[in-house]
PDB file of N, CA and C in Angstrom:
ATOM      1  N   MET A   1      69.996 128.373  70.416  1.00  0.00           N
ATOM      2  CA  MET A   1      71.013 128.639  71.414  1.00  0.00           C
ATOM      3  C   MET A   1      72.041 127.518  71.375  1.00  0.00           C
ATOM      4  N   ASN A   2      73.312 127.886  71.309  1.00  0.00           N
ATOM      5  CA  ASN A   2      74.399 126.917  71.229  1.00  0.00           C
ATOM      6  C   ASN A   2      74.896 126.604  72.642  1.00  0.00           C
ATOM      7  N   ILE A   3      74.602 125.406  73.133  1.00  0.00           N
ATOM      8  CA  ILE A   3      74.987 125.061  74.515  1.00  0.00           C
ATOM      9  C   ILE A   3      76.414 124.554  74.604  1.00  0.00           C
ATOM     10  N   GLU A   4      77.067 124.316  73.464  1.00  0.00           N
ATOM     11  CA  GLU A   4      78.449 123.867  73.513  1.00  0.00           C
ATOM     12  C   GLU A   4      79.358 124.933  74.093  1.00  0.00           C
ATOM     13  N   ARG A   5      79.052 126.196  73.841  1.00  0.00           N
ATOM     14  CA  ARG A   5      79.887 127.273  74.372  1.00  0.00           C
ATOM     15  C   ARG A   5      79.765 127.372  75.887  1.00  0.00           C
ATOM     16  N   ILE A   6      78.622 127.023  76.434  1.00  0.00           N
ATOM     17  CA  ILE A   6      78.410 127.143  77.879  1.00  0.00           C
ATOM     18  C   ILE A   6      79.357 126.212  78.633  1.00  0.00           C
ATOM     19  N   GLY A   7      79.501 125.011  78.133  1.00  0.00           N
ATOM     20  CA  GLY A   7      80.345 124.034  78.819  1.00  0.00           C
ATOM     21  C   GLY A   7      81.777 124.011  78.331  1.00  0.00           C
ATOM     22  N   ALA A   8      82.138 124.920  77.450  1.00  0.00           N
ATOM     23  CA  ALA A   8      83.492 124.907  76.905  1.00  0.00           C
ATOM     24  C   ALA A   8      84.505 125.187  78.004  1.00  0.00           C
ATOM     25  N   GLY A   9      85.448 124.282  78.158  1.00  0.00           N
ATOM     26  CA  GLY A   9      86.508 124.455  79.146  1.00  0.00           C
ATOM     27  C   GLY A   9      86.071 124.199  80.577  1.00  0.00           C
ATOM     28  N   PHE A  10      84.884 123.691  80.765  1.00  0.00           N
ATOM     29  CA  PHE A  10      84.386 123.435  82.111  1.00  0.00           C
ATOM     30  C   PHE A  10      84.966 122.138  82.641  1.00  0.00           C
ATOM     31  N   ASN A  11      85.554 122.209  83.816  1.00  0.00           N
ATOM     32  CA  ASN A  11      86.070 121.014  84.473  1.00  0.00           C
ATOM     33  C   ASN A  11      85.313 120.865  85.785  1.00  0.00           C
ATOM     34  N   PRO A  12      84.424 119.868  85.902  1.00  0.00           N
ATOM     35  CA  PRO A  12      83.610 119.742  87.110  1.00  0.00           C
ATOM     36  C   PRO A  12      84.402 119.401  88.354  1.00  0.00           C
ATOM     37  N   ASN A  13      85.629 118.993  88.195  1.00  0.00           N
ATOM     38  CA  ASN A  13      86.430 118.593  89.355  1.00  0.00           C
ATOM     39  C   ASN A  13      87.235 119.735  89.954  1.00  0.00           C
ATOM     40  N   ILE A  14      87.277 120.889  89.313  1.00  0.00           N
ATOM     41  CA  ILE A  14      88.089 121.994  89.820  1.00  0.00           C
ATOM     42  C   ILE A  14      87.510 122.492  91.141  1.00  0.00           C
ATOM     43  N   GLY A  15      88.376 122.600  92.129  1.00  0.00           N
ATOM     44  CA  GLY A  15      87.972 123.130  93.435  1.00  0.00           C
ATOM     45  C   GLY A  15      87.317 122.115  94.339  1.00  0.00           C
ATOM     46  N   THR A  16      87.154 120.889  93.887  1.00  0.00           N
ATOM     47  CA  THR A  16      86.515 119.888  94.731  1.00  0.00           C
ATOM     48  C   THR A  16      87.513 118.942  95.368  1.00  0.00           C
ATOM     49  N   GLY A  17      88.780 119.111  95.034  1.00  0.00           N
ATOM     50  CA  GLY A  17      89.783 118.205  95.559  1.00  0.00           C
ATOM     51  C   GLY A  17      89.879 116.929  94.749  1.00  0.00           C
ATOM     52  N   MET A  18      89.158 116.865  93.655  1.00  0.00           N
ATOM     53  CA  MET A  18      89.142 115.665  92.829  1.00  0.00           C
ATOM     54  C   MET A  18      90.091 115.771  91.640  1.00  0.00           C
ATOM     55  N   GLU A  19      90.870 116.854  91.560  1.00  0.00           N
ATOM     56  CA  GLU A  19      91.816 116.994  90.466  1.00  0.00           C
ATOM     57  C   GLU A  19      92.830 115.857  90.550  1.00  0.00           C
ATOM     58  N   ARG A  20      93.355 115.497  89.407  1.00  0.00           N
ATOM     59  CA  ARG A  20      94.365 114.441  89.407  1.00  0.00           C
ATOM     60  C   ARG A  20      95.643 114.953  90.043  1.00  0.00           C
ATOM     61  N   ALA A  21      96.141 114.180  90.948  1.00  0.00           N
ATOM     62  CA  ALA A  21      97.406 114.547  91.589  1.00  0.00           C
ATOM     63  C   ALA A  21      98.548 114.132  90.674  1.00  0.00           C
ATOM     64  N   GLN A  22      99.469 115.009  90.523  1.00  0.00           N
ATOM     65  CA  GLN A  22     100.654 114.696  89.735  1.00  0.00           C
ATOM     66  C   GLN A  22     101.552 113.782  90.561  1.00  0.00           C
ATOM     67  N   PRO A  23     102.319 112.907  89.903  1.00  0.00           N
ATOM     68  CA  PRO A  23     103.204 112.019  90.666  1.00  0.00           C
ATOM     69  C   PRO A  23     104.149 112.779  91.588  1.00  0.00           C
ATOM     70  N   SER A  24     104.610 113.950  91.155  1.00  0.00           N
ATOM     71  CA  SER A  24     105.516 114.710  92.011  1.00  0.00           C
ATOM     72  C   SER A  24     104.800 115.210  93.259  1.00  0.00           C
ATOM     73  N   GLN A  25     103.511 115.531  93.140  1.00  0.00           N
ATOM     74  CA  GLN A  25     102.750 115.965  94.309  1.00  0.00           C
ATOM     75  C   GLN A  25     102.615 114.821  95.308  1.00  0.00           C
ATOM     76  N   PHE A  26     102.362 113.619  94.810  1.00  0.00           N
ATOM     77  CA  PHE A  26     102.251 112.478  95.699  1.00  0.00           C
ATOM     78  C   PHE A  26     103.579 112.234  96.415  1.00  0.00           C
ATOM     79  N   GLY A  27     104.671 112.411  95.686  1.00  0.00           N
ATOM     80  CA  GLY A  27     105.989 112.255  96.299  1.00  0.00           C
ATOM     81  C   GLY A  27     106.219 113.262  97.401  1.00  0.00           C
ATOM     82  N   HIS A  28     105.779 114.500  97.195  1.00  0.00           N
ATOM     83  CA  HIS A  28     105.921 115.532  98.226  1.00  0.00           C
ATOM     84  C   HIS A  28     105.079 115.191  99.446  1.00  0.00           C
ATOM     85  N   ILE A  29     103.871 114.692  99.209  1.00  0.00           N
ATOM     86  CA  ILE A  29     102.999 114.321 100.327  1.00  0.00           C
ATOM     87  C   ILE A  29     103.614 113.168 101.111  1.00  0.00           C
ATOM     88  N   LEU A  30     104.146 112.187 100.400  1.00  0.00           N
ATOM     89  CA  LEU A  30     104.776 111.052 101.064  1.00  0.00           C
ATOM     90  C   LEU A  30     106.013 111.488 101.849  1.00  0.00           C
ATOM     91  N   ASP A  31     106.816 112.373 101.270  1.00  0.00           N
ATOM     92  CA  ASP A  31     107.993 112.894 101.976  1.00  0.00           C
ATOM     93  C   ASP A  31     107.584 113.654 103.236  1.00  0.00           C
ATOM     94  N   ALA A  32     106.513 114.438 103.139  1.00  0.00           N
ATOM     95  CA  ALA A  32     106.034 115.189 104.303  1.00  0.00           C
ATOM     96  C   ALA A  32     105.560 114.241 105.398  1.00  0.00           C
ATOM     97  N   ALA A  33     104.910 113.152 105.020  1.00  0.00           N
ATOM     98  CA  ALA A  33     104.446 112.176 106.010  1.00  0.00           C
ATOM     99  C   ALA A  33     105.627 111.507 106.700  1.00  0.00           C
ATOM    100  N   VAL A  34     106.646 111.181 105.934  1.00  0.00           N
ATOM    101  CA  VAL A  34     107.847 110.559 106.526  1.00  0.00           C
ATOM    102  C   VAL A  34     108.544 111.538 107.470  1.00  0.00           C
ATOM    103  N   ARG A  35     108.624 112.814 107.065  1.00  0.00           N
ATOM    104  CA  ARG A  35     109.230 113.830 107.944  1.00  0.00           C
ATOM    105  C   ARG A  35     108.419 113.989 109.225  1.00  0.00           C
ATOM    106  N   LEU A  36     107.088 113.933 109.121  1.00  0.00           N
ATOM    107  CA  LEU A  36     106.239 114.044 110.304  1.00  0.00           C
ATOM    108  C   LEU A  36     106.504 112.890 111.262  1.00  0.00           C
ATOM    109  N   LEU A  37     106.608 111.690 110.743  1.00  0.00           N
ATOM    110  CA  LEU A  37     106.907 110.541 111.601  1.00  0.00           C
ATOM    111  C   LEU A  37     108.282 110.662 112.235  1.00  0.00           C
ATOM    112  N   ASP A  38     109.253 111.154 111.472  1.00  0.00           N
ATOM    113  CA  ASP A  38     110.603 111.349 112.019  1.00  0.00           C
ATOM    114  C   ASP A  38     110.600 112.393 113.130  1.00  0.00           C
ATOM    115  N   GLU A  39     109.879 113.492 112.916  1.00  0.00           N
ATOM    116  CA  GLU A  39     109.819 114.539 113.939  1.00  0.00           C
ATOM    117  C   GLU A  39     109.128 114.039 115.200  1.00  0.00           C
ATOM    118  N   THR A  40     108.090 113.244 115.038  1.00  0.00           N
ATOM    119  CA  THR A  40     107.385 112.684 116.192  1.00  0.00           C
ATOM    120  C   THR A  40     108.309 111.747 116.962  1.00  0.00           C
ATOM    121  N   SER A  41     109.019 110.914 116.236  1.00  0.00           N
ATOM    122  CA  SER A  41     109.960 109.998 116.883  1.00  0.00           C
ATOM    123  C   SER A  41     111.067 110.768 117.596  1.00  0.00           C
ATOM    124  N   ARG A  42     111.560 111.830 116.961  1.00  0.00           N
ATOM    125  CA  ARG A  42     112.609 112.643 117.569  1.00  0.00           C
ATOM    126  C   ARG A  42     112.102 113.320 118.845  1.00  0.00           C
ATOM    127  N   ALA A  43     110.858 113.808 118.816  1.00  0.00           N
ATOM    128  CA  ALA A  43     110.294 114.457 120.006  1.00  0.00           C
ATOM    129  C   ALA A  43     110.165 113.467 121.155  1.00  0.00           C
ATOM    130  N   GLU A  44     109.733 112.240 120.844  1.00  0.00           N
ATOM    131  CA  GLU A  44     109.629 111.220 121.885  1.00  0.00           C
ATOM    132  C   GLU A  44     111.013 110.852 122.437  1.00  0.00           C
ATOM    133  N   HIS A  45     111.995 110.773 121.564  1.00  0.00           N
ATOM    134  CA  HIS A  45     113.364 110.438 121.999  1.00  0.00           C
ATOM    135  C   HIS A  45     113.930 111.555 122.871  1.00  0.00           C
ATOM    136  N   ASP A  46     113.714 112.807 122.474  1.00  0.00           N
ATOM    137  CA  ASP A  46     114.183 113.939 123.275  1.00  0.00           C
ATOM    138  C   ASP A  46     113.539 113.944 124.652  1.00  0.00           C
ATOM    139  N   LEU A  47     112.255 113.627 124.706  1.00  0.00           N
ATOM    140  CA  LEU A  47     111.556 113.568 125.985  1.00  0.00           C
ATOM    141  C   LEU A  47     112.166 112.489 126.878  1.00  0.00           C
ATOM    142  N   ALA A  48     112.373 111.321 126.318  1.00  0.00           N
ATOM    143  CA  ALA A  48     112.947 110.219 127.116  1.00  0.00           C
ATOM    144  C   ALA A  48     114.328 110.597 127.633  1.00  0.00           C
ATOM    145  N   SER A  49     115.116 111.253 126.803  1.00  0.00           N
ATOM    146  CA  SER A  49     116.451 111.667 127.204  1.00  0.00           C
ATOM    147  C   SER A  49     116.399 112.698 128.336  1.00  0.00           C
ATOM    148  N   LEU A  50     115.517 113.689 128.185  1.00  0.00           N
ATOM    149  CA  LEU A  50     115.386 114.707 129.238  1.00  0.00           C
ATOM    150  C   LEU A  50     114.857 114.108 130.540  1.00  0.00           C
ATOM    151  N   GLN A  51     113.928 113.172 130.431  1.00  0.00           N
ATOM    152  CA  GLN A  51     113.398 112.536 131.631  1.00  0.00           C
ATOM    153  C   GLN A  51     114.487 111.745 132.356  1.00  0.00           C
ATOM    154  N   MET A  52     115.301 111.041 131.612  1.00  0.00           N
ATOM    155  CA  MET A  52     116.390 110.269 132.231  1.00  0.00           C
ATOM    156  C   MET A  52     117.414 111.204 132.875  1.00  0.00           C
ATOM    157  N   ASP A  53     117.713 112.319 132.210  1.00  0.00           N
ATOM    158  CA  ASP A  53     118.643 113.293 132.801  1.00  0.00           C
ATOM    159  C   ASP A  53     118.068 113.872 134.091  1.00  0.00           C
ATOM    160  N   PHE A  54     116.766 114.147 134.101  1.00  0.00           N
ATOM    161  CA  PHE A  54     116.132 114.706 135.291  1.00  0.00           C
ATOM    162  C   PHE A  54     116.118 113.682 136.426  1.00  0.00           C
ATOM    163  N   ILE A  55     115.782 112.446 136.104  1.00  0.00           N
ATOM    164  CA  ILE A  55     115.746 111.389 137.131  1.00  0.00           C
ATOM    165  C   ILE A  55     117.140 111.126 137.691  1.00  0.00           C
ATOM    166  N   ALA A  56     118.147 111.157 136.836  1.00  0.00           N
ATOM    167  CA  ALA A  56     119.523 110.887 137.272  1.00  0.00           C
ATOM    168  C   ALA A  56     120.147 112.083 137.981  1.00  0.00           C
ATOM    169  N   GLY A  57     119.490 113.238 137.938  1.00  0.00           N
ATOM    170  CA  GLY A  57     120.013 114.420 138.607  1.00  0.00           C
ATOM    171  C   GLY A  57     120.997 115.206 137.770  1.00  0.00           C
ATOM    172  N   ARG A  58     121.102 114.898 136.497  1.00  0.00           N
ATOM    173  CA  ARG A  58     122.025 115.638 135.633  1.00  0.00           C
ATOM    174  C   ARG A  58     121.469 117.001 135.238  1.00  0.00           C
ATOM    175  N   THR A  59     120.175 117.191 135.430  1.00  0.00           N
ATOM    176  CA  THR A  59     119.555 118.493 135.174  1.00  0.00           C
ATOM    177  C   THR A  59     118.448 118.718 136.198  1.00  0.00           C
ATOM    178  N   ASP A  60     118.176 119.976 136.486  1.00  0.00           N
ATOM    179  CA  ASP A  60     117.073 120.298 137.383  1.00  0.00           C
ATOM    180  C   ASP A  60     116.063 121.218 136.686  1.00  0.00           C
ATOM    181  N   ASP A  61     116.113 121.237 135.366  1.00  0.00           N
ATOM    182  CA  ASP A  61     115.243 122.107 134.576  1.00  0.00           C
ATOM    183  C   ASP A  61     113.919 121.396 134.292  1.00  0.00           C
ATOM    184  N   ILE A  62     113.006 121.494 135.245  1.00  0.00           N
ATOM    185  CA  ILE A  62     111.709 120.832 135.099  1.00  0.00           C
ATOM    186  C   ILE A  62     110.885 121.465 133.975  1.00  0.00           C
ATOM    187  N   LEU A  63     111.124 122.737 133.699  1.00  0.00           N
ATOM    188  CA  LEU A  63     110.399 123.407 132.619  1.00  0.00           C
ATOM    189  C   LEU A  63     110.741 122.792 131.267  1.00  0.00           C
ATOM    190  N   ALA A  64     112.010 122.494 131.036  1.00  0.00           N
ATOM    191  CA  ALA A  64     112.424 121.864 129.776  1.00  0.00           C
ATOM    192  C   ALA A  64     111.802 120.481 129.632  1.00  0.00           C
ATOM    193  N   VAL A  65     111.724 119.748 130.730  1.00  0.00           N
ATOM    194  CA  VAL A  65     111.115 118.424 130.702  1.00  0.00           C
ATOM    195  C   VAL A  65     109.623 118.541 130.402  1.00  0.00           C
ATOM    196  N   SER A  66     108.951 119.494 131.045  1.00  0.00           N
ATOM    197  CA  SER A  66     107.515 119.693 130.812  1.00  0.00           C
ATOM    198  C   SER A  66     107.229 120.112 129.374  1.00  0.00           C
ATOM    199  N   LEU A  67     108.057 121.014 128.857  1.00  0.00           N
ATOM    200  CA  LEU A  67     107.867 121.452 127.472  1.00  0.00           C
ATOM    201  C   LEU A  67     108.105 120.307 126.485  1.00  0.00           C
ATOM    202  N   ALA A  68     109.106 119.508 126.748  1.00  0.00           N
ATOM    203  CA  ALA A  68     109.377 118.364 125.874  1.00  0.00           C
ATOM    204  C   ALA A  68     108.233 117.364 125.937  1.00  0.00           C
ATOM    205  N   GLU A  69     107.657 117.198 127.115  1.00  0.00           N
ATOM    206  CA  GLU A  69     106.524 116.284 127.266  1.00  0.00           C
ATOM    207  C   GLU A  69     105.321 116.782 126.469  1.00  0.00           C
ATOM    208  N   GLN A  70     105.033 118.066 126.569  1.00  0.00           N
ATOM    209  CA  GLN A  70     103.915 118.639 125.816  1.00  0.00           C
ATOM    210  C   GLN A  70     104.163 118.551 124.310  1.00  0.00           C
ATOM    211  N   ARG A  71     105.384 118.845 123.898  1.00  0.00           N
ATOM    212  CA  ARG A  71     105.740 118.785 122.482  1.00  0.00           C
ATOM    213  C   ARG A  71     105.553 117.371 121.940  1.00  0.00           C
ATOM    214  N   ALA A  72     106.015 116.380 122.685  1.00  0.00           N
ATOM    215  CA  ALA A  72     105.877 114.986 122.256  1.00  0.00           C
ATOM    216  C   ALA A  72     104.412 114.559 122.227  1.00  0.00           C
ATOM    217  N   GLN A  73     103.659 114.987 123.228  1.00  0.00           N
ATOM    218  CA  GLN A  73     102.240 114.631 123.282  1.00  0.00           C
ATOM    219  C   GLN A  73     101.481 115.225 122.095  1.00  0.00           C
ATOM    220  N   ILE A  74     101.754 116.472 121.780  1.00  0.00           N
ATOM    221  CA  ILE A  74     101.090 117.122 120.645  1.00  0.00           C
ATOM    222  C   ILE A  74     101.495 116.454 119.333  1.00  0.00           C
ATOM    223  N   ALA A  75     102.757 116.120 119.192  1.00  0.00           N
ATOM    224  CA  ALA A  75     103.229 115.473 117.968  1.00  0.00           C
ATOM    225  C   ALA A  75     102.572 114.110 117.777  1.00  0.00           C
ATOM    226  N   VAL A  76     102.474 113.338 118.835  1.00  0.00           N
ATOM    227  CA  VAL A  76     101.851 112.014 118.754  1.00  0.00           C
ATOM    228  C   VAL A  76     100.363 112.153 118.444  1.00  0.00           C
ATOM    229  N   THR A  77      99.690 113.082 119.100  1.00  0.00           N
ATOM    230  CA  THR A  77      98.262 113.295 118.858  1.00  0.00           C
ATOM    231  C   THR A  77      98.018 113.714 117.413  1.00  0.00           C
ATOM    232  N   PHE A  78      98.810 114.655 116.923  1.00  0.00           N
ATOM    233  CA  PHE A  78      98.653 115.128 115.551  1.00  0.00           C
ATOM    234  C   PHE A  78      98.900 114.003 114.555  1.00  0.00           C
ATOM    235  N   THR A  79      99.962 113.238 114.766  1.00  0.00           N
ATOM    236  CA  THR A  79     100.287 112.135 113.870  1.00  0.00           C
ATOM    237  C   THR A  79      99.180 111.088 113.876  1.00  0.00           C
ATOM    238  N   THR A  80      98.648 110.771 115.050  1.00  0.00           N
ATOM    239  CA  THR A  80      97.570 109.794 115.165  1.00  0.00           C
ATOM    240  C   THR A  80      96.313 110.270 114.450  1.00  0.00           C
ATOM    241  N   GLN A  81      95.945 111.531 114.654  1.00  0.00           N
ATOM    242  CA  GLN A  81      94.753 112.062 113.995  1.00  0.00           C
ATOM    243  C   GLN A  81      94.921 112.115 112.482  1.00  0.00           C
ATOM    244  N   LEU A  82      96.091 112.520 112.036  1.00  0.00           N
ATOM    245  CA  LEU A  82      96.352 112.576 110.602  1.00  0.00           C
ATOM    246  C   LEU A  82      96.290 111.185 109.986  1.00  0.00           C
ATOM    247  N   THR A  83      96.870 110.215 110.659  1.00  0.00           N
ATOM    248  CA  THR A  83      96.832 108.842 110.167  1.00  0.00           C
ATOM    249  C   THR A  83      95.399 108.334 110.084  1.00  0.00           C
ATOM    250  N   SER A  84      94.606 108.630 111.099  1.00  0.00           N
ATOM    251  CA  SER A  84      93.209 108.200 111.095  1.00  0.00           C
ATOM    252  C   SER A  84      92.439 108.825 109.940  1.00  0.00           C
ATOM    253  N   ARG A  85      92.663 110.093 109.697  1.00  0.00           N
ATOM    254  CA  ARG A  85      91.954 110.766 108.603  1.00  0.00           C
ATOM    255  C   ARG A  85      92.384 110.240 107.236  1.00  0.00           C
ATOM    256  N   VAL A  86      93.659 109.957 107.091  1.00  0.00           N
ATOM    257  CA  VAL A  86      94.130 109.402 105.815  1.00  0.00           C
ATOM    258  C   VAL A  86      93.521 108.024 105.592  1.00  0.00           C
ATOM    259  N   LEU A  87      93.471 107.205 106.634  1.00  0.00           N
ATOM    260  CA  LEU A  87      92.873 105.878 106.499  1.00  0.00           C
ATOM    261  C   LEU A  87      91.379 105.965 106.210  1.00  0.00           C
ATOM    262  N   ASP A  88      90.687 106.906 106.851  1.00  0.00           N
ATOM    263  CA  ASP A  88      89.265 107.101 106.561  1.00  0.00           C
ATOM    264  C   ASP A  88      89.049 107.523 105.113  1.00  0.00           C
ATOM    265  N   ALA A  89      89.885 108.426 104.626  1.00  0.00           N
ATOM    266  CA  ALA A  89      89.769 108.858 103.238  1.00  0.00           C
ATOM    267  C   ALA A  89      90.043 107.693 102.298  1.00  0.00           C
ATOM    268  N   TYR A  90      91.035 106.887 102.609  1.00  0.00           N
ATOM    269  CA  TYR A  90      91.344 105.719 101.790  1.00  0.00           C
ATOM    270  C   TYR A  90      90.160 104.755 101.753  1.00  0.00           C
ATOM    271  N   ARG A  91      89.558 104.507 102.918  1.00  0.00           N
ATOM    272  CA  ARG A  91      88.399 103.606 102.965  1.00  0.00           C
ATOM    273  C   ARG A  91      87.233 104.162 102.156  1.00  0.00           C
ATOM    274  N   GLN A  92      87.006 105.473 102.242  1.00  0.00           N
ATOM    275  CA  GLN A  92      85.925 106.078 101.465  1.00  0.00           C
ATOM    276  C   GLN A  92      86.185 105.948  99.976  1.00  0.00           C
ATOM    277  N   ILE A  93      87.419 106.146  99.557  1.00  0.00           N
ATOM    278  CA  ILE A  93      87.759 106.012  98.142  1.00  0.00           C
ATOM    279  C   ILE A  93      87.573 104.573  97.691  1.00  0.00           C
ATOM    280  N   MET A  94      87.984 103.624  98.523  1.00  0.00           N
ATOM    281  CA  MET A  94      87.863 102.218  98.139  1.00  0.00           C
ATOM    282  C   MET A  94      86.398 101.770  98.093  1.00  0.00           C
ATOM    283  N   ASN A  95      85.518 102.419  98.858  1.00  0.00           N
ATOM    284  CA  ASN A  95      84.098 102.055  98.873  1.00  0.00           C
ATOM    285  C   ASN A  95      83.294 102.769  97.789  1.00  0.00           C
ATOM    286  N   MET A  96      83.932 103.691  97.066  1.00  0.00           N
ATOM    287  CA  MET A  96      83.219 104.406  96.006  1.00  0.00           C
ATOM    288  C   MET A  96      82.914 103.457  94.860  1.00  0.00           C
ATOM    289  N   GLN A  97      81.720 103.607  94.330  1.00  0.00           N
ATOM    290  CA  GLN A  97      81.358 102.821  93.157  1.00  0.00           C
ATOM    291  C   GLN A  97      81.712 103.603  91.914  1.00  0.00           C
ATOM    292  N   VAL A  98      82.351 102.907  91.006  1.00  0.00           N
ATOM    293  CA  VAL A  98      82.805 103.582  89.779  1.00  0.00           C
ATOM    294  C   VAL A  98      81.782 103.429  88.684  1.00  0.00           C
TER     295      VAL A  98
END
């Protein structure tokens, strides 16, 4: 029995997330992370602006303020969780024995 044919073209890393990332893929991931941080910062800035308008009496739309608050809170929570998971993955990779 010829066992060379059984393993022909077999890549043990396929589907495990261990495939080599292309440099362009890393660039896309980095760009997405920067956009996420920008969106989170923008949501926080919009909230602060709406809160100041509400406090100063320039608007009475409490619903817009509440929605902006929820949007900012969700964005910050998501960004924090994503950052934590990326750091955990980095630590796991650095602790791997080669």
